[in-house]
Amino acid sequence: EGDKRYFNVFACYSDDNGETWAYGDVAPMVKDEIVGDEVQ
């Protein structure tokens, strides 16, 4: 957004051993205060 970079974190998941994939909702964040990046 302009010259500022933002990140979200979420899970990608498969229920068929990787044949198809989907993504879940992003983890909650407070823009400009709490952002996610590296996740486990």
Full PDB file with SEQRES, HELIX, SHEET, SSBOND, CRYST1, ORIGX, SCALE, CONECT and MASTER records, all heavy atoms in Angstrom:
SEQRES   1 A   40  GLU GLY ASP LYS ARG TYR PHE ASN VAL PHE ALA CYS TYR          
SEQRES   2 A   40  SER ASP ASP ASN GLY GLU THR TRP ALA TYR GLY ASP VAL          
SEQRES   3 A   40  ALA PRO MET VAL LYS ASP GLU ILE VAL GLY ASP GLU VAL          
SEQRES   4 A   40  GLN                                                          
SHEET    1 AA1 2 CYS A  12  TYR A  13  0                                        
SHEET    2 AA1 2 ALA A  22  TYR A  23 -1                                        
CRYST1    1.000    1.000    1.000  90.00  90.00  90.00 P 1           1          
ORIGX1      1.000000  0.000000  0.000000        0.00000                         
ORIGX2      0.000000  1.000000  0.000000        0.00000                         
ORIGX3      0.000000  0.000000  1.000000        0.00000                         
SCALE1      1.000000  0.000000  0.000000        0.00000                         
SCALE2      0.000000  1.000000  0.000000        0.00000                         
SCALE3      0.000000  0.000000  1.000000        0.00000                         
ATOM      1  N   GLU A   1       0.888  -1.166   0.000  1.00  0.00           N  
ATOM      2  CA  GLU A   1       0.000   0.000   0.000  1.00  0.00           C  
ATOM      3  C   GLU A   1       0.919   1.205   0.000  1.00  0.00           C  
ATOM      4  O   GLU A   1       1.525   1.526   1.017  1.00  0.00           O  
ATOM      5  CB  GLU A   1      -0.925  -0.014   1.209  1.00  0.00           C  
ATOM      6  CG  GLU A   1      -1.964  -1.118   1.143  1.00  0.00           C  
ATOM      7  CD  GLU A   1      -2.943  -1.097   2.296  1.00  0.00           C  
ATOM      8  OE1 GLU A   1      -3.046  -0.068   3.006  1.00  0.00           O  
ATOM      9  OE2 GLU A   1      -3.620  -2.123   2.490  1.00  0.00           O  
ATOM     10  N   GLY A   2       1.061   1.800  -1.165  1.00  0.00           N  
ATOM     11  CA  GLY A   2       2.044   2.874  -1.315  1.00  0.00           C  
ATOM     12  C   GLY A   2       3.434   2.290  -1.163  1.00  0.00           C  
ATOM     13  O   GLY A   2       3.782   1.310  -1.826  1.00  0.00           O  
ATOM     14  N   ASP A   3       4.233   2.839  -0.253  1.00  0.00           N  
ATOM     15  CA  ASP A   3       5.584   2.327  -0.040  1.00  0.00           C  
ATOM     16  C   ASP A   3       5.679   1.425   1.185  1.00  0.00           C  
ATOM     17  O   ASP A   3       6.767   1.072   1.620  1.00  0.00           O  
ATOM     18  CB  ASP A   3       6.585   3.479   0.081  1.00  0.00           C  
ATOM     19  CG  ASP A   3       6.303   4.390   1.264  1.00  0.00           C  
ATOM     20  OD1 ASP A   3       5.239   4.252   1.893  1.00  0.00           O  
ATOM     21  OD2 ASP A   3       7.154   5.251   1.550  1.00  0.00           O  
ATOM     22  N   LYS A   4       4.539   1.023   1.739  1.00  0.00           N  
ATOM     23  CA  LYS A   4       4.528   0.150   2.921  1.00  0.00           C  
ATOM     24  C   LYS A   4       4.052  -1.248   2.548  1.00  0.00           C  
ATOM     25  O   LYS A   4       3.052  -1.402   1.854  1.00  0.00           O  
ATOM     26  CB  LYS A   4       3.614   0.739   3.994  1.00  0.00           C  
ATOM     27  CG  LYS A   4       3.691  -0.049   5.278  1.00  0.00           C  
ATOM     28  CD  LYS A   4       3.379   0.780   6.461  1.00  0.00           C  
ATOM     29  CE  LYS A   4       3.538  -0.105   7.664  1.00  0.00           C  
ATOM     30  NZ  LYS A   4       3.853   0.570   8.841  1.00  0.00           N  
ATOM     31  N   ARG A   5       4.792  -2.251   3.020  1.00  0.00           N  
ATOM     32  CA  ARG A   5       4.438  -3.641   2.742  1.00  0.00           C  
ATOM     33  C   ARG A   5       3.743  -4.245   3.955  1.00  0.00           C  
ATOM     34  O   ARG A   5       4.149  -4.029   5.094  1.00  0.00           O  
ATOM     35  CB  ARG A   5       5.680  -4.456   2.409  1.00  0.00           C  
ATOM     36  CG  ARG A   5       5.311  -5.831   1.908  1.00  0.00           C  
ATOM     37  CD  ARG A   5       6.423  -6.467   1.165  1.00  0.00           C  
ATOM     38  NE  ARG A   5       5.936  -7.682   0.531  1.00  0.00           N  
ATOM     39  CZ  ARG A   5       6.692  -8.592   0.008  1.00  0.00           C  
ATOM     40  NH1 ARG A   5       7.991  -8.430  -0.005  1.00  0.00           N  
ATOM     41  NH2 ARG A   5       6.180  -9.664  -0.541  1.00  0.00           N  
ATOM     42  N   TYR A   6       2.704  -5.047   3.694  1.00  0.00           N  
ATOM     43  CA  TYR A   6       1.945  -5.721   4.740  1.00  0.00           C  
ATOM     44  C   TYR A   6       1.958  -7.224   4.502  1.00  0.00           C  
ATOM     45  O   TYR A   6       2.136  -7.686   3.372  1.00  0.00           O  
ATOM     46  CB  TYR A   6       0.491  -5.235   4.744  1.00  0.00           C  
ATOM     47  CG  TYR A   6       0.351  -3.804   5.174  1.00  0.00           C  
ATOM     48  CD1 TYR A   6       0.296  -2.786   4.231  1.00  0.00           C  
ATOM     49  CD2 TYR A   6       0.284  -3.471   6.516  1.00  0.00           C  
ATOM     50  CE1 TYR A   6       0.167  -1.455   4.622  1.00  0.00           C  
ATOM     51  CE2 TYR A   6       0.156  -2.154   6.919  1.00  0.00           C  
ATOM     52  CZ  TYR A   6       0.104  -1.152   5.960  1.00  0.00           C  
ATOM     53  OH  TYR A   6      -0.022   0.139   6.353  1.00  0.00           O  
ATOM     54  N   PHE A   7       1.733  -7.982   5.573  1.00  0.00           N  
ATOM     55  CA  PHE A   7       1.687  -9.437   5.501  1.00  0.00           C  
ATOM     56  C   PHE A   7       0.501  -9.974   6.290  1.00  0.00           C  
ATOM     57  O   PHE A   7       0.107  -9.396   7.302  1.00  0.00           O  
ATOM     58  CB  PHE A   7       2.961 -10.059   6.092  1.00  0.00           C  
ATOM     59  CG  PHE A   7       4.196  -9.760   5.317  1.00  0.00           C  
ATOM     60  CD1 PHE A   7       4.985  -8.675   5.654  1.00  0.00           C  
ATOM     61  CD2 PHE A   7       4.574 -10.551   4.251  1.00  0.00           C  
ATOM     62  CE1 PHE A   7       6.132  -8.388   4.947  1.00  0.00           C  
ATOM     63  CE2 PHE A   7       5.717 -10.277   3.530  1.00  0.00           C  
ATOM     64  CZ  PHE A   7       6.499  -9.190   3.882  1.00  0.00           C  
ATOM     65  N   ASN A   8      -0.054 -11.081   5.839  1.00  0.00           N  
ATOM     66  CA  ASN A   8      -1.025 -11.899   6.571  1.00  0.00           C  
ATOM     67  C   ASN A   8      -0.465 -13.301   6.686  1.00  0.00           C  
ATOM     68  O   ASN A   8       0.367 -13.701   5.867  1.00  0.00           O  
ATOM     69  CB  ASN A   8      -2.352 -12.032   5.796  1.00  0.00           C  
ATOM     70  CG  ASN A   8      -3.203 -10.806   5.859  1.00  0.00           C  
ATOM     71  OD1 ASN A   8      -3.220 -10.097   6.855  1.00  0.00           O  
ATOM     72  ND2 ASN A   8      -3.922 -10.545   4.788  1.00  0.00           N  
ATOM     73  N   VAL A   9      -0.955 -14.058   7.647  1.00  0.00           N  
ATOM     74  CA  VAL A   9      -0.620 -15.484   7.736  1.00  0.00           C  
ATOM     75  C   VAL A   9      -1.915 -16.293   7.756  1.00  0.00           C  
ATOM     76  O   VAL A   9      -2.947 -15.834   8.233  1.00  0.00           O  
ATOM     77  CB  VAL A   9       0.259 -15.809   8.964  1.00  0.00           C  
ATOM     78  CG1 VAL A   9       1.604 -15.124   8.857  1.00  0.00           C  
ATOM     79  CG2 VAL A   9      -0.425 -15.424  10.262  1.00  0.00           C  
ATOM     80  N   PHE A  10      -1.840 -17.509   7.211  1.00  0.00           N  
ATOM     81  CA  PHE A  10      -3.010 -18.373   7.139  1.00  0.00           C  
ATOM     82  C   PHE A  10      -2.539 -19.789   6.851  1.00  0.00           C  
ATOM     83  O   PHE A  10      -1.351 -20.037   6.671  1.00  0.00           O  
ATOM     84  CB  PHE A  10      -3.986 -17.886   6.053  1.00  0.00           C  
ATOM     85  CG  PHE A  10      -3.395 -17.826   4.677  1.00  0.00           C  
ATOM     86  CD1 PHE A  10      -3.572 -18.856   3.784  1.00  0.00           C  
ATOM     87  CD2 PHE A  10      -2.652 -16.727   4.280  1.00  0.00           C  
ATOM     88  CE1 PHE A  10      -3.019 -18.812   2.510  1.00  0.00           C  
ATOM     89  CE2 PHE A  10      -2.101 -16.653   3.008  1.00  0.00           C  
ATOM     90  CZ  PHE A  10      -2.285 -17.697   2.128  1.00  0.00           C  
ATOM     91  N   ALA A  11      -3.469 -20.733   6.779  1.00  0.00           N  
ATOM     92  CA  ALA A  11      -3.142 -22.126   6.466  1.00  0.00           C  
ATOM     93  C   ALA A  11      -3.641 -22.469   5.068  1.00  0.00           C  
ATOM     94  O   ALA A  11      -4.749 -22.104   4.693  1.00  0.00           O  
ATOM     95  CB  ALA A  11      -3.794 -23.072   7.472  1.00  0.00           C  
ATOM     96  N   CYS A  12      -2.809 -23.160   4.314  1.00  0.00           N  
ATOM     97  CA  CYS A  12      -3.261 -23.843   3.095  1.00  0.00           C  
ATOM     98  C   CYS A  12      -3.511 -25.280   3.509  1.00  0.00           C  
ATOM     99  O   CYS A  12      -2.741 -25.845   4.289  1.00  0.00           O  
ATOM    100  CB  CYS A  12      -2.193 -23.807   2.017  1.00  0.00           C  
ATOM    101  SG  CYS A  12      -1.930 -22.178   1.337  1.00  0.00           S  
ATOM    102  N   TYR A  13      -4.574 -25.891   3.006  1.00  0.00           N  
ATOM    103  CA  TYR A  13      -4.880 -27.244   3.454  1.00  0.00           C  
ATOM    104  C   TYR A  13      -5.413 -28.106   2.318  1.00  0.00           C  
ATOM    105  O   TYR A  13      -5.952 -27.619   1.335  1.00  0.00           O  
ATOM    106  CB  TYR A  13      -5.870 -27.220   4.619  1.00  0.00           C  
ATOM    107  CG  TYR A  13      -7.217 -26.640   4.281  1.00  0.00           C  
ATOM    108  CD1 TYR A  13      -8.258 -27.469   3.854  1.00  0.00           C  
ATOM    109  CD2 TYR A  13      -7.460 -25.283   4.392  1.00  0.00           C  
ATOM    110  CE1 TYR A  13      -9.505 -26.944   3.546  1.00  0.00           C  
ATOM    111  CE2 TYR A  13      -8.700 -24.749   4.090  1.00  0.00           C  
ATOM    112  CZ  TYR A  13      -9.714 -25.582   3.667  1.00  0.00           C  
ATOM    113  OH  TYR A  13     -10.942 -25.060   3.352  1.00  0.00           O  
ATOM    114  N   SER A  14      -5.201 -29.413   2.509  1.00  0.00           N  
ATOM    115  CA  SER A  14      -5.684 -30.409   1.549  1.00  0.00           C  
ATOM    116  C   SER A  14      -6.315 -31.553   2.325  1.00  0.00           C  
ATOM    117  O   SER A  14      -5.750 -32.046   3.299  1.00  0.00           O  
ATOM    118  CB  SER A  14      -4.523 -30.945   0.704  1.00  0.00           C  
ATOM    119  OG  SER A  14      -4.968 -31.999  -0.130  1.00  0.00           O  
ATOM    120  N   ASP A  15      -7.484 -31.971   1.874  1.00  0.00           N  
ATOM    121  CA  ASP A  15      -8.165 -33.118   2.478  1.00  0.00           C  
ATOM    122  C   ASP A  15      -8.069 -34.361   1.599  1.00  0.00           C  
ATOM    123  O   ASP A  15      -8.705 -35.377   1.886  1.00  0.00           O  
ATOM    124  CB  ASP A  15      -9.635 -32.778   2.743  1.00  0.00           C  
ATOM    125  CG  ASP A  15      -9.781 -31.773   3.882  1.00  0.00           C  
ATOM    126  OD1 ASP A  15      -9.006 -31.850   4.849  1.00  0.00           O  
ATOM    127  OD2 ASP A  15     -10.673 -30.908   3.791  1.00  0.00           O  
ATOM    128  N   ASP A  16      -7.286 -34.289   0.523  1.00  0.00           N  
ATOM    129  CA  ASP A  16      -7.154 -35.434  -0.391  1.00  0.00           C  
ATOM    130  C   ASP A  16      -5.685 -35.713  -0.742  1.00  0.00           C  
ATOM    131  O   ASP A  16      -5.351 -35.965  -1.885  1.00  0.00           O  
ATOM    132  CB  ASP A  16      -8.003 -35.227  -1.652  1.00  0.00           C  
ATOM    133  CG  ASP A  16      -7.651 -33.946  -2.400  1.00  0.00           C  
ATOM    134  OD1 ASP A  16      -6.611 -33.310  -2.083  1.00  0.00           O  
ATOM    135  OD2 ASP A  16      -8.402 -33.570  -3.315  1.00  0.00           O  
ATOM    136  N   ASN A  17      -4.830 -35.655   0.280  1.00  0.00           N  
ATOM    137  CA  ASN A  17      -3.390 -35.947   0.121  1.00  0.00           C  
ATOM    138  C   ASN A  17      -2.706 -35.073  -0.916  1.00  0.00           C  
ATOM    139  O   ASN A  17      -1.823 -35.521  -1.636  1.00  0.00           O  
ATOM    140  CB  ASN A  17      -3.151 -37.419  -0.208  1.00  0.00           C  
ATOM    141  CG  ASN A  17      -3.242 -38.281   1.010  1.00  0.00           C  
ATOM    142  OD1 ASN A  17      -2.995 -37.829   2.118  1.00  0.00           O  
ATOM    143  ND2 ASN A  17      -3.606 -39.534   0.818  1.00  0.00           N  
ATOM    144  N   GLY A  18      -3.114 -33.826  -1.027  1.00  0.00           N  
ATOM    145  CA  GLY A  18      -2.437 -32.884  -1.900  1.00  0.00           C  
ATOM    146  C   GLY A  18      -2.949 -32.807  -3.322  1.00  0.00           C  
ATOM    147  O   GLY A  18      -2.400 -32.077  -4.131  1.00  0.00           O  
ATOM    148  N   GLU A  19      -4.011 -33.536  -3.638  1.00  0.00           N  
ATOM    149  CA  GLU A  19      -4.572 -33.445  -4.988  1.00  0.00           C  
ATOM    150  C   GLU A  19      -5.156 -32.052  -5.241  1.00  0.00           C  
ATOM    151  O   GLU A  19      -4.979 -31.492  -6.319  1.00  0.00           O  
ATOM    152  CB  GLU A  19      -5.656 -34.510  -5.202  1.00  0.00           C  
ATOM    153  CG  GLU A  19      -5.118 -35.921  -5.279  1.00  0.00           C  
ATOM    154  CD  GLU A  19      -4.299 -36.169  -6.530  1.00  0.00           C  
ATOM    155  OE1 GLU A  19      -4.675 -35.680  -7.614  1.00  0.00           O  
ATOM    156  OE2 GLU A  19      -3.273 -36.850  -6.417  1.00  0.00           O  
ATOM    157  N   THR A  20      -5.882 -31.526  -4.263  1.00  0.00           N  
ATOM    158  CA  THR A  20      -6.443 -30.180  -4.356  1.00  0.00           C  
ATOM    159  C   THR A  20      -6.129 -29.433  -3.066  1.00  0.00           C  
ATOM    160  O   THR A  20      -5.933 -30.047  -2.011  1.00  0.00           O  
ATOM    161  CB  THR A  20      -7.974 -30.214  -4.570  1.00  0.00           C  
ATOM    162  OG1 THR A  20      -8.585 -30.881  -3.449  1.00  0.00           O  
ATOM    163  CG2 THR A  20      -8.336 -30.935  -5.864  1.00  0.00           C  
ATOM    164  N   TRP A  21      -6.080 -28.106  -3.172  1.00  0.00           N  
ATOM    165  CA  TRP A  21      -5.717 -27.262  -2.035  1.00  0.00           C  
ATOM    166  C   TRP A  21      -6.704 -26.111  -1.899  1.00  0.00           C  
ATOM    167  O   TRP A  21      -7.286 -25.662  -2.876  1.00  0.00           O  
ATOM    168  CB  TRP A  21      -4.305 -26.703  -2.221  1.00  0.00           C  
ATOM    169  CG  TRP A  21      -3.268 -27.764  -2.102  1.00  0.00           C  
ATOM    170  CD1 TRP A  21      -2.800 -28.559  -3.110  1.00  0.00           C  
ATOM    171  CD2 TRP A  21      -2.608 -28.174  -0.920  1.00  0.00           C  
ATOM    172  NE1 TRP A  21      -1.871 -29.443  -2.609  1.00  0.00           N  
ATOM    173  CE2 TRP A  21      -1.725 -29.223  -1.271  1.00  0.00           C  
ATOM    174  CE3 TRP A  21      -2.649 -27.756   0.414  1.00  0.00           C  
ATOM    175  CZ2 TRP A  21      -0.910 -29.852  -0.341  1.00  0.00           C  
ATOM    176  CZ3 TRP A  21      -1.832 -28.381   1.336  1.00  0.00           C  
ATOM    177  CH2 TRP A  21      -0.982 -29.418   0.950  1.00  0.00           C  
ATOM    178  N   ALA A  22      -6.850 -25.648  -0.679  1.00  0.00           N  
ATOM    179  CA  ALA A  22      -7.671 -24.486  -0.369  1.00  0.00           C  
ATOM    180  C   ALA A  22      -6.941 -23.666   0.684  1.00  0.00           C  
ATOM    181  O   ALA A  22      -5.911 -24.107   1.207  1.00  0.00           O  
ATOM    182  CB  ALA A  22      -9.042 -24.927   0.148  1.00  0.00           C  
ATOM    183  N   TYR A  23      -7.460 -22.515   1.002  1.00  0.00           N  
ATOM    184  CA  TYR A  23      -6.856 -21.721   2.070  1.00  0.00           C  
ATOM    185  C   TYR A  23      -7.909 -21.305   3.069  1.00  0.00           C  
ATOM    186  O   TYR A  23      -9.077 -21.120   2.741  1.00  0.00           O  
ATOM    187  CB  TYR A  23      -6.104 -20.503   1.536  1.00  0.00           C  
ATOM    188  CG  TYR A  23      -6.857 -19.620   0.577  1.00  0.00           C  
ATOM    189  CD1 TYR A  23      -7.817 -18.721   1.032  1.00  0.00           C  
ATOM    190  CD2 TYR A  23      -6.591 -19.674  -0.778  1.00  0.00           C  
ATOM    191  CE1 TYR A  23      -8.492 -17.904   0.153  1.00  0.00           C  
ATOM    192  CE2 TYR A  23      -7.262 -18.852  -1.668  1.00  0.00           C  
ATOM    193  CZ  TYR A  23      -8.211 -17.966  -1.189  1.00  0.00           C  
ATOM    194  OH  TYR A  23      -8.880 -17.153  -2.068  1.00  0.00           O  
ATOM    195  N   GLY A  24      -7.461 -21.180   4.320  1.00  0.00           N  
ATOM    196  CA  GLY A  24      -8.342 -20.750   5.392  1.00  0.00           C  
ATOM    197  C   GLY A  24      -8.316 -19.242   5.550  1.00  0.00           C  
ATOM    198  O   GLY A  24      -7.647 -18.529   4.796  1.00  0.00           O  
ATOM    199  N   ASP A  25      -9.038 -18.763   6.536  1.00  0.00           N  
ATOM    200  CA  ASP A  25      -9.055 -17.334   6.836  1.00  0.00           C  
ATOM    201  C   ASP A  25      -7.692 -16.873   7.327  1.00  0.00           C  
ATOM    202  O   ASP A  25      -6.919 -17.655   7.887  1.00  0.00           O  
ATOM    203  CB  ASP A  25     -10.092 -17.039   7.920  1.00  0.00           C  
ATOM    204  CG  ASP A  25     -11.517 -17.256   7.446  1.00  0.00           C  
ATOM    205  OD1 ASP A  25     -11.763 -17.196   6.222  1.00  0.00           O  
ATOM    206  OD2 ASP A  25     -12.378 -17.496   8.305  1.00  0.00           O  
ATOM    207  N   VAL A  26      -7.411 -15.606   7.165  1.00  0.00           N  
ATOM    208  CA  VAL A  26      -6.158 -15.057   7.677  1.00  0.00           C  
ATOM    209  C   VAL A  26      -6.255 -14.913   9.188  1.00  0.00           C  
ATOM    210  O   VAL A  26      -7.346 -14.754   9.753  1.00  0.00           O  
ATOM    211  CB  VAL A  26      -5.814 -13.700   7.022  1.00  0.00           C  
ATOM    212  CG1 VAL A  26      -5.591 -13.859   5.535  1.00  0.00           C  
ATOM    213  CG2 VAL A  26      -6.862 -12.660   7.321  1.00  0.00           C  
ATOM    214  N   ALA A  27      -5.100 -14.996   9.844  1.00  0.00           N  
ATOM    215  CA  ALA A  27      -5.046 -14.773  11.289  1.00  0.00           C  
ATOM    216  C   ALA A  27      -5.364 -13.306  11.568  1.00  0.00           C  
ATOM    217  O   ALA A  27      -5.053 -12.431  10.750  1.00  0.00           O  
ATOM    218  CB  ALA A  27      -3.658 -15.130  11.814  1.00  0.00           C  
ATOM    219  N   PRO A  28      -5.983 -13.029  12.706  1.00  0.00           N  
ATOM    220  CA  PRO A  28      -6.311 -11.634  13.031  1.00  0.00           C  
ATOM    221  C   PRO A  28      -5.057 -10.760  13.075  1.00  0.00           C  
ATOM    222  O   PRO A  28      -3.984 -11.210  13.471  1.00  0.00           O  
ATOM    223  CB  PRO A  28      -6.931 -11.732  14.422  1.00  0.00           C  
ATOM    224  CG  PRO A  28      -7.378 -13.142  14.551  1.00  0.00           C  
ATOM    225  CD  PRO A  28      -6.411 -13.952  13.734  1.00  0.00           C  
ATOM    226  N   MET A  29      -5.207  -9.527  12.635  1.00  0.00           N  
ATOM    227  CA  MET A  29      -4.112  -8.557  12.707  1.00  0.00           C  
ATOM    228  C   MET A  29      -4.689  -7.170  12.937  1.00  0.00           C  
ATOM    229  O   MET A  29      -5.868  -6.936  12.690  1.00  0.00           O  
ATOM    230  CB  MET A  29      -3.267  -8.564  11.446  1.00  0.00           C  
ATOM    231  CG  MET A  29      -3.959  -8.024  10.202  1.00  0.00           C  
ATOM    232  SD  MET A  29      -2.860  -7.922   8.785  1.00  0.00           S  
ATOM    233  CE  MET A  29      -2.767  -6.166   8.553  1.00  0.00           C  
ATOM    234  N   VAL A  30      -3.858  -6.285  13.430  1.00  0.00           N  
ATOM    235  CA  VAL A  30      -4.221  -4.884  13.573  1.00  0.00           C  
ATOM    236  C   VAL A  30      -3.252  -4.124  12.681  1.00  0.00           C  
ATOM    237  O   VAL A  30      -2.069  -4.043  12.969  1.00  0.00           O  
ATOM    238  CB  VAL A  30      -4.110  -4.403  15.036  1.00  0.00           C  
ATOM    239  CG1 VAL A  30      -4.434  -2.921  15.134  1.00  0.00           C  
ATOM    240  CG2 VAL A  30      -5.007  -5.231  15.943  1.00  0.00           C  
ATOM    241  N   LYS A  31      -3.772  -3.628  11.573  1.00  0.00           N  
ATOM    242  CA  LYS A  31      -2.932  -2.990  10.574  1.00  0.00           C  
ATOM    243  C   LYS A  31      -2.074  -1.895  11.207  1.00  0.00           C  
ATOM    244  O   LYS A  31      -2.552  -1.116  12.015  1.00  0.00           O  
ATOM    245  CB  LYS A  31      -3.813  -2.398   9.479  1.00  0.00           C  
ATOM    246  CG  LYS A  31      -3.109  -2.153   8.194  1.00  0.00           C  
ATOM    247  CD  LYS A  31      -4.141  -1.825   7.151  1.00  0.00           C  
ATOM    248  CE  LYS A  31      -3.534  -1.780   5.802  1.00  0.00           C  
ATOM    249  NZ  LYS A  31      -4.525  -1.442   4.806  1.00  0.00           N  
ATOM    250  N   ASP A  32      -0.810  -1.887  10.831  1.00  0.00           N  
ATOM    251  CA  ASP A  32       0.204  -0.948  11.318  1.00  0.00           C  
ATOM    252  C   ASP A  32       0.617  -1.209  12.761  1.00  0.00           C  
ATOM    253  O   ASP A  32       1.415  -0.476  13.310  1.00  0.00           O  
ATOM    254  CB  ASP A  32      -0.243   0.515  11.161  1.00  0.00           C  
ATOM    255  CG  ASP A  32      -0.365   0.923   9.712  1.00  0.00           C  
ATOM    256  OD1 ASP A  32       0.479   0.511   8.893  1.00  0.00           O  
ATOM    257  OD2 ASP A  32      -1.322   1.641   9.384  1.00  0.00           O  
ATOM    258  N   GLU A  33       0.051  -2.251  13.412  1.00  0.00           N  
ATOM    259  CA  GLU A  33       0.447  -2.568  14.777  1.00  0.00           C  
ATOM    260  C   GLU A  33       0.876  -4.025  14.910  1.00  0.00           C  
ATOM    261  O   GLU A  33       1.947  -4.309  15.409  1.00  0.00           O  
ATOM    262  CB  GLU A  33      -0.690  -2.281  15.762  1.00  0.00           C  
ATOM    263  CG  GLU A  33      -1.022  -0.822  15.895  1.00  0.00           C  
ATOM    264  CD  GLU A  33      -2.158  -0.597  16.871  1.00  0.00           C  
ATOM    265  OE1 GLU A  33      -2.279  -1.365  17.841  1.00  0.00           O  
ATOM    266  OE2 GLU A  33      -2.935   0.345  16.658  1.00  0.00           O  
ATOM    267  N   ILE A  34       0.005  -4.953  14.507  1.00  0.00           N  
ATOM    268  CA  ILE A  34       0.290  -6.381  14.638  1.00  0.00           C  
ATOM    269  C   ILE A  34       0.120  -7.011  13.265  1.00  0.00           C  
ATOM    270  O   ILE A  34      -0.970  -6.978  12.698  1.00  0.00           O  
ATOM    271  CB  ILE A  34      -0.666  -7.066  15.629  1.00  0.00           C  
ATOM    272  CG1 ILE A  34      -0.565  -6.404  17.005  1.00  0.00           C  
ATOM    273  CG2 ILE A  34      -0.370  -8.553  15.706  1.00  0.00           C  
ATOM    274  CD1 ILE A  34      -1.642  -6.868  17.962  1.00  0.00           C  
ATOM    275  N   VAL A  35       1.203  -7.539  12.720  1.00  0.00           N  
ATOM    276  CA  VAL A  35       1.131  -8.228  11.433  1.00  0.00           C  
ATOM    277  C   VAL A  35       1.868  -9.547  11.548  1.00  0.00           C  
ATOM    278  O   VAL A  35       2.768  -9.692  12.357  1.00  0.00           O  
ATOM    279  CB  VAL A  35       1.711  -7.388  10.275  1.00  0.00           C  
ATOM    280  CG1 VAL A  35       0.911  -6.120  10.074  1.00  0.00           C  
ATOM    281  CG2 VAL A  35       3.168  -7.063  10.505  1.00  0.00           C  
ATOM    282  N   GLY A  36       1.476 -10.506  10.760  1.00  0.00           N  
ATOM    283  CA  GLY A  36       2.153 -11.790  10.748  1.00  0.00           C  
ATOM    284  C   GLY A  36       3.080 -11.885   9.561  1.00  0.00           C  
ATOM    285  O   GLY A  36       2.926 -11.175   8.580  1.00  0.00           O  
ATOM    286  N   ASP A  37       4.041 -12.779   9.663  1.00  0.00           N  
ATOM    287  CA  ASP A  37       4.924 -13.043   8.524  1.00  0.00           C  
ATOM    288  C   ASP A  37       5.330 -14.501   8.580  1.00  0.00           C  
ATOM    289  O   ASP A  37       4.676 -15.342   8.006  1.00  0.00           O  
ATOM    290  CB  ASP A  37       6.120 -12.108   8.536  1.00  0.00           C  
ATOM    291  CG  ASP A  37       6.966 -12.243   7.277  1.00  0.00           C  
ATOM    292  OD1 ASP A  37       6.641 -13.063   6.401  1.00  0.00           O  
ATOM    293  OD2 ASP A  37       7.963 -11.518   7.161  1.00  0.00           O  
ATOM    294  N   GLU A  38       6.362 -14.843   9.312  1.00  0.00           N  
ATOM    295  CA  GLU A  38       6.806 -16.226   9.370  1.00  0.00           C  
ATOM    296  C   GLU A  38       5.950 -16.979  10.373  1.00  0.00           C  
ATOM    297  O   GLU A  38       5.693 -16.501  11.467  1.00  0.00           O  
ATOM    298  CB  GLU A  38       8.284 -16.269   9.732  1.00  0.00           C  
ATOM    299  CG  GLU A  38       9.119 -15.586   8.665  1.00  0.00           C  
ATOM    300  CD  GLU A  38      10.594 -15.656   8.936  1.00  0.00           C  
ATOM    301  OE1 GLU A  38      11.001 -16.100  10.024  1.00  0.00           O  
ATOM    302  OE2 GLU A  38      11.347 -15.236   8.059  1.00  0.00           O  
ATOM    303  N   VAL A  39       5.498 -18.181   9.990  1.00  0.00           N  
ATOM    304  CA  VAL A  39       4.493 -18.880  10.780  1.00  0.00           C  
ATOM    305  C   VAL A  39       4.776 -20.380  10.778  1.00  0.00           C  
ATOM    306  O   VAL A  39       5.412 -20.895   9.874  1.00  0.00           O  
ATOM    307  CB  VAL A  39       3.071 -18.569  10.220  1.00  0.00           C  
ATOM    308  CG1 VAL A  39       2.908 -19.080   8.816  1.00  0.00           C  
ATOM    309  CG2 VAL A  39       1.984 -19.101  11.109  1.00  0.00           C  
ATOM    310  N   GLN A  40       4.312 -21.066  11.825  1.00  0.00           N  
ATOM    311  CA  GLN A  40       4.434 -22.511  11.925  1.00  0.00           C  
ATOM    312  C   GLN A  40       3.121 -23.073  12.452  1.00  0.00           C  
ATOM    313  O   GLN A  40       2.440 -22.413  13.239  1.00  0.00           O  
ATOM    314  CB  GLN A  40       5.578 -22.909  12.865  1.00  0.00           C  
ATOM    315  CG  GLN A  40       5.707 -24.390  13.116  1.00  0.00           C  
ATOM    316  CD  GLN A  40       5.920 -25.199  11.842  1.00  0.00           C  
ATOM    317  OE1 GLN A  40       6.752 -24.871  11.036  1.00  0.00           O  
ATOM    318  NE2 GLN A  40       5.163 -26.259  11.659  1.00  0.00           N  
TER     319      GLN A  40                                                      
MASTER        0    0    0    0    2    0    0    6  318    1    0    4          
END                                                                             
